[in-house]
Amino acid sequence: MFDSKITRRGFAATAATSVAAIGLVGTTVNSADAYQGNMERALSSLYQALGELRQATANKGGHRVKAMELVGEAIAQTQAGIEFADERSGG
């Protein structure tokens, strides 16, 4: 049952990150003046970290799952920061 929750949570996180990645591509293409290189590199690193956490074995006392949740939250906040900067630049 616990693995089933992780699978559903993983699916939801994958769907959310895919949508965020599509938004990121649109942001980059639509506003070259507002290019957020450092933020986008951070976002890429966060996606990589999330992937590594998903591949790790599950027996971590709930800490792996919590780390995946926090990285997902960091992804959302980083994406929001990129979008905020884009909106401020008129893109």
PDB file of N, CA and C in Angstrom:
ATOM      1  N   MET A   1       0.819  -1.190   0.000  1.00  0.00           N
ATOM      2  CA  MET A   1       0.000   0.000   0.000  1.00  0.00           C
ATOM      3  C   MET A   1       0.864   1.255   0.000  1.00  0.00           C
ATOM      4  N   PHE A   2       1.932   1.278   0.800  1.00  0.00           N
ATOM      5  CA  PHE A   2       2.816   2.442   0.860  1.00  0.00           C
ATOM      6  C   PHE A   2       3.471   2.697  -0.493  1.00  0.00           C
ATOM      7  N   ASP A   3       3.919   1.614  -1.159  1.00  0.00           N
ATOM      8  CA  ASP A   3       4.523   1.779  -2.481  1.00  0.00           C
ATOM      9  C   ASP A   3       3.518   2.343  -3.475  1.00  0.00           C
ATOM     10  N   SER A   4       2.249   1.972  -3.329  1.00  0.00           N
ATOM     11  CA  SER A   4       1.209   2.487  -4.207  1.00  0.00           C
ATOM     12  C   SER A   4       1.070   3.994  -4.054  1.00  0.00           C
ATOM     13  N   LYS A   5       1.150   4.499  -2.815  1.00  0.00           N
ATOM     14  CA  LYS A   5       1.073   5.937  -2.582  1.00  0.00           C
ATOM     15  C   LYS A   5       2.255   6.654  -3.215  1.00  0.00           C
ATOM     16  N   ILE A   6       3.435   6.061  -3.095  1.00  0.00           N
ATOM     17  CA  ILE A   6       4.610   6.669  -3.704  1.00  0.00           C
ATOM     18  C   ILE A   6       4.446   6.704  -5.217  1.00  0.00           C
ATOM     19  N   THR A   7       3.918   5.640  -5.779  1.00  0.00           N
ATOM     20  CA  THR A   7       3.726   5.588  -7.215  1.00  0.00           C
ATOM     21  C   THR A   7       2.750   6.665  -7.673  1.00  0.00           C
ATOM     22  N   ARG A   8       1.629   6.811  -6.964  1.00  0.00           N
ATOM     23  CA  ARG A   8       0.673   7.857  -7.317  1.00  0.00           C
ATOM     24  C   ARG A   8       1.280   9.237  -7.123  1.00  0.00           C
ATOM     25  N   ARG A   9       1.992   9.418  -6.019  1.00  0.00           N
ATOM     26  CA  ARG A   9       2.635  10.706  -5.752  1.00  0.00           C
ATOM     27  C   ARG A   9       3.699  10.978  -6.824  1.00  0.00           C
ATOM     28  N   GLY A  10       4.442   9.929  -7.168  1.00  0.00           N
ATOM     29  CA  GLY A  10       5.457  10.085  -8.210  1.00  0.00           C
ATOM     30  C   GLY A  10       4.837  10.456  -9.541  1.00  0.00           C
ATOM     31  N   PHE A  11       3.698   9.831  -9.846  1.00  0.00           N
ATOM     32  CA  PHE A  11       3.000  10.156 -11.086  1.00  0.00           C
ATOM     33  C   PHE A  11       2.544  11.606 -11.081  1.00  0.00           C
ATOM     34  N   ALA A  12       1.973  12.049  -9.963  1.00  0.00           N
ATOM     35  CA  ALA A  12       1.496  13.432  -9.868  1.00  0.00           C
ATOM     36  C   ALA A  12       2.663  14.402  -9.987  1.00  0.00           C
ATOM     37  N   ALA A  13       3.768  14.076  -9.344  1.00  0.00           N
ATOM     38  CA  ALA A  13       4.944  14.950  -9.419  1.00  0.00           C
ATOM     39  C   ALA A  13       5.496  14.994 -10.838  1.00  0.00           C
ATOM     40  N   THR A  14       5.502  13.845 -11.510  1.00  0.00           N
ATOM     41  CA  THR A  14       5.978  13.809 -12.893  1.00  0.00           C
ATOM     42  C   THR A  14       5.094  14.656 -13.789  1.00  0.00           C
ATOM     43  N   ALA A  15       3.786  14.545 -13.600  1.00  0.00           N
ATOM     44  CA  ALA A  15       2.863  15.351 -14.398  1.00  0.00           C
ATOM     45  C   ALA A  15       3.082  16.834 -14.134  1.00  0.00           C
ATOM     46  N   ALA A  16       3.258  17.187 -12.868  1.00  0.00           N
ATOM     47  CA  ALA A  16       3.461  18.599 -12.511  1.00  0.00           C
ATOM     48  C   ALA A  16       4.773  19.121 -13.076  1.00  0.00           C
ATOM     49  N   THR A  17       5.834  18.317 -12.998  1.00  0.00           N
ATOM     50  CA  THR A  17       7.123  18.777 -13.513  1.00  0.00           C
ATOM     51  C   THR A  17       7.097  18.863 -15.028  1.00  0.00           C
ATOM     52  N   SER A  18       6.345  17.986 -15.681  1.00  0.00           N
ATOM     53  CA  SER A  18       6.231  18.074 -17.137  1.00  0.00           C
ATOM     54  C   SER A  18       5.532  19.349 -17.555  1.00  0.00           C
ATOM     55  N   VAL A  19       4.462  19.686 -16.843  1.00  0.00           N
ATOM     56  CA  VAL A  19       3.747  20.930 -17.132  1.00  0.00           C
ATOM     57  C   VAL A  19       4.659  22.122 -16.876  1.00  0.00           C
ATOM     58  N   ALA A  20       5.416  22.062 -15.777  1.00  0.00           N
ATOM     59  CA  ALA A  20       6.339  23.153 -15.460  1.00  0.00           C
ATOM     60  C   ALA A  20       7.420  23.275 -16.529  1.00  0.00           C
ATOM     61  N   ALA A  21       7.912  22.145 -17.012  1.00  0.00           N
ATOM     62  CA  ALA A  21       8.945  22.183 -18.049  1.00  0.00           C
ATOM     63  C   ALA A  21       8.405  22.792 -19.338  1.00  0.00           C
ATOM     64  N   ILE A  22       7.178  22.478 -19.672  1.00  0.00           N
ATOM     65  CA  ILE A  22       6.565  23.072 -20.863  1.00  0.00           C
ATOM     66  C   ILE A  22       6.454  24.578 -20.677  1.00  0.00           C
ATOM     67  N   GLY A  23       6.049  25.005 -19.494  1.00  0.00           N
ATOM     68  CA  GLY A  23       5.970  26.438 -19.194  1.00  0.00           C
ATOM     69  C   GLY A  23       7.325  27.095 -19.263  1.00  0.00           C
ATOM     70  N   LEU A  24       8.358  26.391 -18.805  1.00  0.00           N
ATOM     71  CA  LEU A  24       9.716  26.919 -18.836  1.00  0.00           C
ATOM     72  C   LEU A  24      10.172  27.149 -20.262  1.00  0.00           C
ATOM     73  N   VAL A  25       9.900  26.219 -21.148  1.00  0.00           N
ATOM     74  CA  VAL A  25      10.278  26.385 -22.545  1.00  0.00           C
ATOM     75  C   VAL A  25       9.571  27.597 -23.135  1.00  0.00           C
ATOM     76  N   GLY A  26       8.290  27.740 -22.854  1.00  0.00           N
ATOM     77  CA  GLY A  26       7.536  28.890 -23.342  1.00  0.00           C
ATOM     78  C   GLY A  26       8.097  30.185 -22.802  1.00  0.00           C
ATOM     79  N   THR A  27       8.485  30.208 -21.546  1.00  0.00           N
ATOM     80  CA  THR A  27       9.050  31.412 -20.939  1.00  0.00           C
ATOM     81  C   THR A  27      10.350  31.785 -21.623  1.00  0.00           C
ATOM     82  N   THR A  28      11.197  30.800 -21.861  1.00  0.00           N
ATOM     83  CA  THR A  28      12.491  31.078 -22.469  1.00  0.00           C
ATOM     84  C   THR A  28      12.335  31.577 -23.903  1.00  0.00           C
ATOM     85  N   VAL A  29      11.459  30.972 -24.660  1.00  0.00           N
ATOM     86  CA  VAL A  29      11.274  31.345 -26.054  1.00  0.00           C
ATOM     87  C   VAL A  29      10.621  32.717 -26.187  1.00  0.00           C
ATOM     88  N   ASN A  30       9.642  33.012 -25.338  1.00  0.00           N
ATOM     89  CA  ASN A  30       8.870  34.241 -25.469  1.00  0.00           C
ATOM     90  C   ASN A  30       9.567  35.490 -24.965  1.00  0.00           C
ATOM     91  N   SER A  31      10.575  35.368 -24.125  1.00  0.00           N
ATOM     92  CA  SER A  31      11.179  36.570 -23.574  1.00  0.00           C
ATOM     93  C   SER A  31      12.671  36.398 -23.372  1.00  0.00           C
ATOM     94  N   ALA A  32      13.413  36.537 -24.432  1.00  0.00           N
ATOM     95  CA  ALA A  32      14.860  36.404 -24.353  1.00  0.00           C
ATOM     96  C   ALA A  32      15.456  37.443 -23.418  1.00  0.00           C
ATOM     97  N   ASP A  33      14.833  38.616 -23.309  1.00  0.00           N
ATOM     98  CA  ASP A  33      15.340  39.663 -22.427  1.00  0.00           C
ATOM     99  C   ASP A  33      15.257  39.264 -20.962  1.00  0.00           C
ATOM    100  N   ALA A  34      14.321  38.411 -20.609  1.00  0.00           N
ATOM    101  CA  ALA A  34      14.128  38.014 -19.221  1.00  0.00           C
ATOM    102  C   ALA A  34      14.750  36.656 -18.929  1.00  0.00           C
ATOM    103  N   TYR A  35      15.697  36.239 -19.736  1.00  0.00           N
ATOM    104  CA  TYR A  35      16.311  34.929 -19.552  1.00  0.00           C
ATOM    105  C   TYR A  35      16.859  34.809 -18.137  1.00  0.00           C
ATOM    106  N   GLN A  36      16.451  33.779 -17.455  1.00  0.00           N
ATOM    107  CA  GLN A  36      16.833  33.539 -16.075  1.00  0.00           C
ATOM    108  C   GLN A  36      17.790  32.346 -16.013  1.00  0.00           C
ATOM    109  N   GLY A  37      18.984  32.522 -16.542  1.00  0.00           N
ATOM    110  CA  GLY A  37      19.948  31.425 -16.644  1.00  0.00           C
ATOM    111  C   GLY A  37      20.231  30.703 -15.345  1.00  0.00           C
ATOM    112  N   ASN A  38      20.518  31.452 -14.292  1.00  0.00           N
ATOM    113  CA  ASN A  38      20.821  30.807 -13.008  1.00  0.00           C
ATOM    114  C   ASN A  38      19.614  30.064 -12.470  1.00  0.00           C
ATOM    115  N   MET A  39      18.448  30.675 -12.576  1.00  0.00           N
ATOM    116  CA  MET A  39      17.230  30.028 -12.090  1.00  0.00           C
ATOM    117  C   MET A  39      16.914  28.776 -12.899  1.00  0.00           C
ATOM    118  N   GLU A  40      17.096  28.851 -14.210  1.00  0.00           N
ATOM    119  CA  GLU A  40      16.806  27.694 -15.054  1.00  0.00           C
ATOM    120  C   GLU A  40      17.807  26.569 -14.819  1.00  0.00           C
ATOM    121  N   ARG A  41      19.062  26.904 -14.560  1.00  0.00           N
ATOM    122  CA  ARG A  41      20.045  25.863 -14.221  1.00  0.00           C
ATOM    123  C   ARG A  41      19.700  25.231 -12.874  1.00  0.00           C
ATOM    124  N   ALA A  42      19.259  26.064 -11.925  1.00  0.00           N
ATOM    125  CA  ALA A  42      18.824  25.530 -10.628  1.00  0.00           C
ATOM    126  C   ALA A  42      17.636  24.599 -10.816  1.00  0.00           C
ATOM    127  N   LEU A  43      16.698  24.996 -11.658  1.00  0.00           N
ATOM    128  CA  LEU A  43      15.523  24.175 -11.933  1.00  0.00           C
ATOM    129  C   LEU A  43      15.939  22.830 -12.517  1.00  0.00           C
ATOM    130  N   SER A  44      16.870  22.862 -13.425  1.00  0.00           N
ATOM    131  CA  SER A  44      17.368  21.623 -14.020  1.00  0.00           C
ATOM    132  C   SER A  44      18.002  20.726 -12.957  1.00  0.00           C
ATOM    133  N   SER A  45      18.779  21.309 -12.068  1.00  0.00           N
ATOM    134  CA  SER A  45      19.408  20.536 -10.989  1.00  0.00           C
ATOM    135  C   SER A  45      18.362  19.939 -10.057  1.00  0.00           C
ATOM    136  N   LEU A  46      17.309  20.694  -9.790  1.00  0.00           N
ATOM    137  CA  LEU A  46      16.240  20.188  -8.935  1.00  0.00           C
ATOM    138  C   LEU A  46      15.529  18.999  -9.583  1.00  0.00           C
ATOM    139  N   TYR A  47      15.257  19.096 -10.892  1.00  0.00           N
ATOM    140  CA  TYR A  47      14.653  17.969 -11.603  1.00  0.00           C
ATOM    141  C   TYR A  47      15.558  16.740 -11.523  1.00  0.00           C
ATOM    142  N   GLN A  48      16.862  16.955 -11.668  1.00  0.00           N
ATOM    143  CA  GLN A  48      17.814  15.851 -11.597  1.00  0.00           C
ATOM    144  C   GLN A  48      17.802  15.242 -10.189  1.00  0.00           C
ATOM    145  N   ALA A  49      17.783  16.092  -9.161  1.00  0.00           N
ATOM    146  CA  ALA A  49      17.742  15.596  -7.788  1.00  0.00           C
ATOM    147  C   ALA A  49      16.473  14.782  -7.539  1.00  0.00           C
ATOM    148  N   LEU A  50      15.342  15.269  -8.046  1.00  0.00           N
ATOM    149  CA  LEU A  50      14.085  14.546  -7.880  1.00  0.00           C
ATOM    150  C   LEU A  50      14.160  13.174  -8.536  1.00  0.00           C
ATOM    151  N   GLY A  51      14.746  13.116  -9.708  1.00  0.00           N
ATOM    152  CA  GLY A  51      14.915  11.832 -10.402  1.00  0.00           C
ATOM    153  C   GLY A  51      15.783  10.870  -9.613  1.00  0.00           C
ATOM    154  N   GLU A  52      16.858  11.375  -9.039  1.00  0.00           N
ATOM    155  CA  GLU A  52      17.744  10.526  -8.236  1.00  0.00           C
ATOM    156  C   GLU A  52      17.027  10.013  -6.995  1.00  0.00           C
ATOM    157  N   LEU A  53      16.252  10.881  -6.349  1.00  0.00           N
ATOM    158  CA  LEU A  53      15.494  10.462  -5.170  1.00  0.00           C
ATOM    159  C   LEU A  53      14.475   9.383  -5.527  1.00  0.00           C
ATOM    160  N   ARG A  54      13.833   9.524  -6.666  1.00  0.00           N
ATOM    161  CA  ARG A  54      12.844   8.523  -7.092  1.00  0.00           C
ATOM    162  C   ARG A  54      13.490   7.165  -7.325  1.00  0.00           C
ATOM    163  N   GLN A  55      14.735   7.172  -7.792  1.00  0.00           N
ATOM    164  CA  GLN A  55      15.426   5.914  -8.076  1.00  0.00           C
ATOM    165  C   GLN A  55      16.021   5.272  -6.829  1.00  0.00           C
ATOM    166  N   ALA A  56      16.146   6.041  -5.747  1.00  0.00           N
ATOM    167  CA  ALA A  56      16.717   5.507  -4.508  1.00  0.00           C
ATOM    168  C   ALA A  56      15.773   4.475  -3.899  1.00  0.00           C
ATOM    169  N   THR A  57      16.347   3.571  -3.125  1.00  0.00           N
ATOM    170  CA  THR A  57      15.510   2.582  -2.446  1.00  0.00           C
ATOM    171  C   THR A  57      14.594   3.286  -1.448  1.00  0.00           C
ATOM    172  N   ALA A  58      13.447   2.669  -1.199  1.00  0.00           N
ATOM    173  CA  ALA A  58      12.385   3.326  -0.437  1.00  0.00           C
ATOM    174  C   ALA A  58      12.536   3.225   1.079  1.00  0.00           C
ATOM    175  N   ASN A  59      13.456   2.447   1.579  1.00  0.00           N
ATOM    176  CA  ASN A  59      13.521   2.198   3.022  1.00  0.00           C
ATOM    177  C   ASN A  59      14.370   3.267   3.736  1.00  0.00           C
ATOM    178  N   LYS A  60      13.840   4.479   3.805  1.00  0.00           N
ATOM    179  CA  LYS A  60      14.579   5.587   4.415  1.00  0.00           C
ATOM    180  C   LYS A  60      13.796   6.221   5.563  1.00  0.00           C
ATOM    181  N   GLY A  61      12.858   5.492   6.136  1.00  0.00           N
ATOM    182  CA  GLY A  61      12.101   5.991   7.267  1.00  0.00           C
ATOM    183  C   GLY A  61      11.234   7.192   6.941  1.00  0.00           C
ATOM    184  N   GLY A  62      10.809   7.303   5.685  1.00  0.00           N
ATOM    185  CA  GLY A  62       9.967   8.416   5.269  1.00  0.00           C
ATOM    186  C   GLY A  62      10.739   9.651   4.837  1.00  0.00           C
ATOM    187  N   HIS A  63      12.039   9.659   5.070  1.00  0.00           N
ATOM    188  CA  HIS A  63      12.853  10.837   4.735  1.00  0.00           C
ATOM    189  C   HIS A  63      13.009  11.028   3.229  1.00  0.00           C
ATOM    190  N   ARG A  64      13.101   9.942   2.480  1.00  0.00           N
ATOM    191  CA  ARG A  64      13.193  10.041   1.023  1.00  0.00           C
ATOM    192  C   ARG A  64      11.925  10.662   0.454  1.00  0.00           C
ATOM    193  N   VAL A  65      10.786  10.198   0.924  1.00  0.00           N
ATOM    194  CA  VAL A  65       9.500  10.726   0.456  1.00  0.00           C
ATOM    195  C   VAL A  65       9.392  12.210   0.803  1.00  0.00           C
ATOM    196  N   LYS A  66       9.770  12.577   2.025  1.00  0.00           N
ATOM    197  CA  LYS A  66       9.719  13.978   2.440  1.00  0.00           C
ATOM    198  C   LYS A  66      10.668  14.811   1.583  1.00  0.00           C
ATOM    199  N   ALA A  67      11.844  14.286   1.297  1.00  0.00           N
ATOM    200  CA  ALA A  67      12.799  14.998   0.444  1.00  0.00           C
ATOM    201  C   ALA A  67      12.213  15.214  -0.948  1.00  0.00           C
ATOM    202  N   MET A  68      11.514  14.214  -1.498  1.00  0.00           N
ATOM    203  CA  MET A  68      10.889  14.364  -2.809  1.00  0.00           C
ATOM    204  C   MET A  68       9.819  15.452  -2.771  1.00  0.00           C
ATOM    205  N   GLU A  69       9.062  15.499  -1.680  1.00  0.00           N
ATOM    206  CA  GLU A  69       8.042  16.542  -1.539  1.00  0.00           C
ATOM    207  C   GLU A  69       8.688  17.924  -1.497  1.00  0.00           C
ATOM    208  N   LEU A  70       9.764  18.055  -0.728  1.00  0.00           N
ATOM    209  CA  LEU A  70      10.435  19.351  -0.591  1.00  0.00           C
ATOM    210  C   LEU A  70      11.105  19.790  -1.896  1.00  0.00           C
ATOM    211  N   VAL A  71      11.689  18.835  -2.613  1.00  0.00           N
ATOM    212  CA  VAL A  71      12.287  19.175  -3.909  1.00  0.00           C
ATOM    213  C   VAL A  71      11.185  19.586  -4.882  1.00  0.00           C
ATOM    214  N   GLY A  72      10.051  18.905  -4.834  1.00  0.00           N
ATOM    215  CA  GLY A  72       8.915  19.301  -5.669  1.00  0.00           C
ATOM    216  C   GLY A  72       8.466  20.717  -5.344  1.00  0.00           C
ATOM    217  N   GLU A  73       8.454  21.046  -4.067  1.00  0.00           N
ATOM    218  CA  GLU A  73       8.090  22.403  -3.649  1.00  0.00           C
ATOM    219  C   GLU A  73       9.135  23.414  -4.136  1.00  0.00           C
ATOM    220  N   ALA A  74      10.403  23.039  -4.059  1.00  0.00           N
ATOM    221  CA  ALA A  74      11.467  23.915  -4.553  1.00  0.00           C
ATOM    222  C   ALA A  74      11.350  24.128  -6.058  1.00  0.00           C
ATOM    223  N   ILE A  75      10.972  23.094  -6.789  1.00  0.00           N
ATOM    224  CA  ILE A  75      10.756  23.213  -8.228  1.00  0.00           C
ATOM    225  C   ILE A  75       9.647  24.225  -8.496  1.00  0.00           C
ATOM    226  N   ALA A  76       8.548  24.089  -7.773  1.00  0.00           N
ATOM    227  CA  ALA A  76       7.411  25.001  -7.964  1.00  0.00           C
ATOM    228  C   ALA A  76       7.808  26.445  -7.643  1.00  0.00           C
ATOM    229  N   GLN A  77       8.556  26.654  -6.565  1.00  0.00           N
ATOM    230  CA  GLN A  77       8.959  28.001  -6.187  1.00  0.00           C
ATOM    231  C   GLN A  77       9.949  28.600  -7.193  1.00  0.00           C
ATOM    232  N   THR A  78      10.858  27.784  -7.684  1.00  0.00           N
ATOM    233  CA  THR A  78      11.822  28.254  -8.682  1.00  0.00           C
ATOM    234  C   THR A  78      11.100  28.639  -9.962  1.00  0.00           C
ATOM    235  N   GLN A  79      10.160  27.802 -10.392  1.00  0.00           N
ATOM    236  CA  GLN A  79       9.363  28.100 -11.584  1.00  0.00           C
ATOM    237  C   GLN A  79       8.572  29.387 -11.381  1.00  0.00           C
ATOM    238  N   ALA A  80       7.993  29.559 -10.193  1.00  0.00           N
ATOM    239  CA  ALA A  80       7.227  30.773  -9.897  1.00  0.00           C
ATOM    240  C   ALA A  80       8.127  32.000  -9.962  1.00  0.00           C
ATOM    241  N   GLY A  81       9.348  31.872  -9.486  1.00  0.00           N
ATOM    242  CA  GLY A  81      10.299  32.985  -9.554  1.00  0.00           C
ATOM    243  C   GLY A  81      10.640  33.358 -10.991  1.00  0.00           C
ATOM    244  N   ILE A  82      10.822  32.366 -11.832  1.00  0.00           N
ATOM    245  CA  ILE A  82      11.107  32.605 -13.249  1.00  0.00           C
ATOM    246  C   ILE A  82       9.915  33.311 -13.899  1.00  0.00           C
ATOM    247  N   GLU A  83       8.720  32.814 -13.613  1.00  0.00           N
ATOM    248  CA  GLU A  83       7.516  33.418 -14.189  1.00  0.00           C
ATOM    249  C   GLU A  83       7.317  34.846 -13.688  1.00  0.00           C
ATOM    250  N   PHE A  84       7.600  35.094 -12.421  1.00  0.00           N
ATOM    251  CA  PHE A  84       7.475  36.435 -11.854  1.00  0.00           C
ATOM    252  C   PHE A  84       8.417  37.394 -12.575  1.00  0.00           C
ATOM    253  N   ALA A  85       9.671  36.982 -12.751  1.00  0.00           N
ATOM    254  CA  ALA A  85      10.642  37.826 -13.447  1.00  0.00           C
ATOM    255  C   ALA A  85      10.217  38.076 -14.884  1.00  0.00           C
ATOM    256  N   ASP A  86       9.652  37.051 -15.513  1.00  0.00           N
ATOM    257  CA  ASP A  86       9.182  37.187 -16.886  1.00  0.00           C
ATOM    258  C   ASP A  86       8.047  38.201 -16.974  1.00  0.00           C
ATOM    259  N   GLU A  87       7.109  38.128 -16.046  1.00  0.00           N
ATOM    260  CA  GLU A  87       5.976  39.060 -16.037  1.00  0.00           C
ATOM    261  C   GLU A  87       6.449  40.502 -15.806  1.00  0.00           C
ATOM    262  N   ARG A  88       7.420  40.670 -14.936  1.00  0.00           N
ATOM    263  CA  ARG A  88       7.932  42.015 -14.627  1.00  0.00           C
ATOM    264  C   ARG A  88       8.663  42.627 -15.811  1.00  0.00           C
ATOM    265  N   SER A  89       9.242  41.757 -16.655  1.00  0.00           N
ATOM    266  CA  SER A  89       9.981  42.271 -17.802  1.00  0.00           C
ATOM    267  C   SER A  89       9.074  42.524 -19.003  1.00  0.00           C
ATOM    268  N   GLY A  90       7.802  42.195 -18.852  1.00  0.00           N
ATOM    269  CA  GLY A  90       6.844  42.427 -19.923  1.00  0.00           C
ATOM    270  C   GLY A  90       6.783  41.305 -20.925  1.00  0.00           C
ATOM    271  N   GLY A  91       7.333  40.118 -20.589  1.00  0.00           N
ATOM    272  CA  GLY A  91       7.353  39.004 -21.524  1.00  0.00           C
ATOM    273  C   GLY A  91       6.209  38.148 -21.484  1.00  0.00           C
TER     274      GLY A  91
END
